Amino acid sequence: MGFLSDLFHRPYPAFAGQEIEKLLEELVRIGKLEDFLSERPGGAFNMQCRHMRARDIGKRLDELGGIELMEYMQKKVRKRLNPTLSEHLGYAWSDIGKWAP
C-alpha cells in the first residue's frame, strides 16, 4: 500500500482506533528500549527469546484484524524505528495466527 492508501485504509474496526494507537506506541517503546528479540531467554523474553509483551500485542492485533492488521502495524513500526527492528518484530510474532516472518 502506498502513502495515500495508508491514509484512507485502516485494516481494523473503527471502535478499535484508540487501542491500536496505544498498542503501536507500546511496540515502538519496546523496540527502542528492549528490542523484540534477545540472545537469551529470561526477563521480558520467553524460551524462544521473543519479547513476551510484543507477542501479546501481536495476538491482540490478530484478534482485531488478522494478518492484514499485523502487516499494517509492522509497517508502522518500520517507519517509526528501522527495518532491522521491524524484522525482529516479525520473528517475535512467529506462530501467531497466520503470521509468517
Protein backbone atom coordinates (compact mmCIF):
# COMPACT_ATOMS: atom_id res chain seq x y z
CA MET A 1 0.00 0.00 0.00
CA GLY A 2 1.14 3.49 -0.73
CA PHE A 3 1.02 6.64 1.34
CA LEU A 4 -2.47 7.66 0.23
CA SER A 5 -3.96 4.21 0.71
CA ASP A 6 -2.47 4.13 4.24
CA LEU A 7 -4.29 7.38 4.98
CA PHE A 8 -7.66 6.09 3.86
CA HIS A 9 -7.49 2.36 4.55
CA ARG A 10 -7.13 1.17 8.10
CA PRO A 11 -7.35 -2.63 8.50
CA TYR A 12 -9.17 -2.51 11.81
CA PRO A 13 -12.65 -1.65 13.03
CA ALA A 14 -13.29 2.00 13.87
CA PHE A 15 -14.06 1.22 17.52
CA ALA A 16 -10.51 -0.13 17.97
CA GLY A 17 -8.69 3.01 16.78
CA GLN A 18 -7.58 4.23 20.21
CA GLU A 19 -6.48 0.77 21.28
CA ILE A 20 -4.49 0.32 18.06
CA GLU A 21 -2.67 3.62 18.61
CA LYS A 22 -1.79 2.64 22.18
CA LEU A 23 -0.52 -0.75 21.02
CA LEU A 24 1.60 0.92 18.33
CA GLU A 25 3.14 3.28 20.89
CA GLU A 26 3.88 0.32 23.14
CA LEU A 27 5.53 -1.61 20.30
CA VAL A 28 7.69 1.40 19.45
CA ARG A 29 8.68 1.77 23.10
CA ILE A 30 9.58 -1.93 23.36
CA GLY A 31 11.61 -1.73 20.15
CA LYS A 32 13.54 1.34 21.31
CA LEU A 33 14.24 0.16 24.84
CA GLU A 34 14.47 -3.62 24.65
CA ASP A 35 14.23 -4.93 21.06
CA PHE A 36 11.79 -7.68 20.13
CA LEU A 37 14.36 -10.48 20.21
CA SER A 38 17.08 -11.44 22.66
CA GLU A 39 20.12 -13.67 22.58
CA ARG A 40 18.99 -15.32 25.82
CA PRO A 41 15.62 -16.12 27.40
CA GLY A 42 14.60 -14.53 30.67
CA GLY A 43 13.09 -11.32 31.95
CA ALA A 44 10.80 -9.97 29.25
CA PHE A 45 11.80 -12.75 26.81
CA ASN A 46 10.33 -16.25 26.54
CA MET A 47 12.23 -19.50 25.97
CA GLN A 48 12.37 -18.75 22.21
CA CYS A 49 13.99 -15.36 23.03
CA ARG A 50 10.93 -13.44 21.81
CA HIS A 51 9.59 -10.45 23.72
CA MET A 52 6.51 -11.71 25.58
CA ARG A 53 4.58 -8.42 25.63
CA ALA A 54 5.24 -7.88 21.92
CA ARG A 55 3.77 -11.35 21.33
CA ASP A 56 0.72 -10.50 23.46
CA ILE A 57 0.23 -7.38 21.35
CA GLY A 58 0.56 -9.46 18.18
CA LYS A 59 -2.14 -11.84 19.45
CA ARG A 60 -4.46 -8.91 20.16
CA LEU A 61 -3.82 -7.44 16.72
CA ASP A 62 -4.62 -10.83 15.19
CA GLU A 63 -7.93 -10.86 17.09
CA LEU A 64 -8.81 -7.35 15.92
CA GLY A 65 -7.78 -7.53 12.27
CA GLY A 66 -5.81 -10.67 11.46
CA ILE A 67 -2.78 -10.78 9.23
CA GLU A 68 -3.71 -7.55 7.45
CA LEU A 69 -3.61 -5.55 10.69
CA MET A 70 -0.37 -7.22 11.80
CA GLU A 71 1.28 -6.31 8.48
CA TYR A 72 -0.01 -2.76 8.79
CA MET A 73 1.45 -2.44 12.28
CA GLN A 74 4.79 -3.91 11.26
CA LYS A 75 4.95 -1.31 8.50
CA LYS A 76 4.21 1.43 11.05
CA VAL A 77 6.98 0.12 13.33
CA ARG A 78 9.38 0.10 10.36
CA LYS A 79 8.59 3.76 9.67
CA ARG A 80 8.95 4.77 13.33
CA LEU A 81 12.06 2.74 14.14
CA ASN A 82 14.04 0.97 11.41
CA PRO A 83 13.89 -2.05 9.09
CA THR A 84 16.01 -4.26 11.37
CA LEU A 85 13.74 -3.81 14.37
CA SER A 86 10.74 -4.32 12.13
CA GLU A 87 12.17 -7.67 11.03
CA HIS A 88 12.84 -8.60 14.66
CA LEU A 89 9.19 -7.87 15.39
CA GLY A 90 8.22 -10.17 12.53
CA TYR A 91 10.23 -13.03 14.05
CA ALA A 92 8.85 -12.28 17.52
CA TRP A 93 5.35 -12.76 16.10
CA SER A 94 6.11 -16.19 14.62
CA ASP A 95 3.25 -18.67 15.06
CA ILE A 96 0.62 -16.03 15.86
CA GLY A 97 -2.46 -16.55 13.71
CA LYS A 98 -1.43 -16.78 10.07
CA TRP A 99 1.75 -14.72 10.60
CA ALA A 100 4.88 -15.96 8.87
CA PRO A 101 8.04 -13.82 9.02
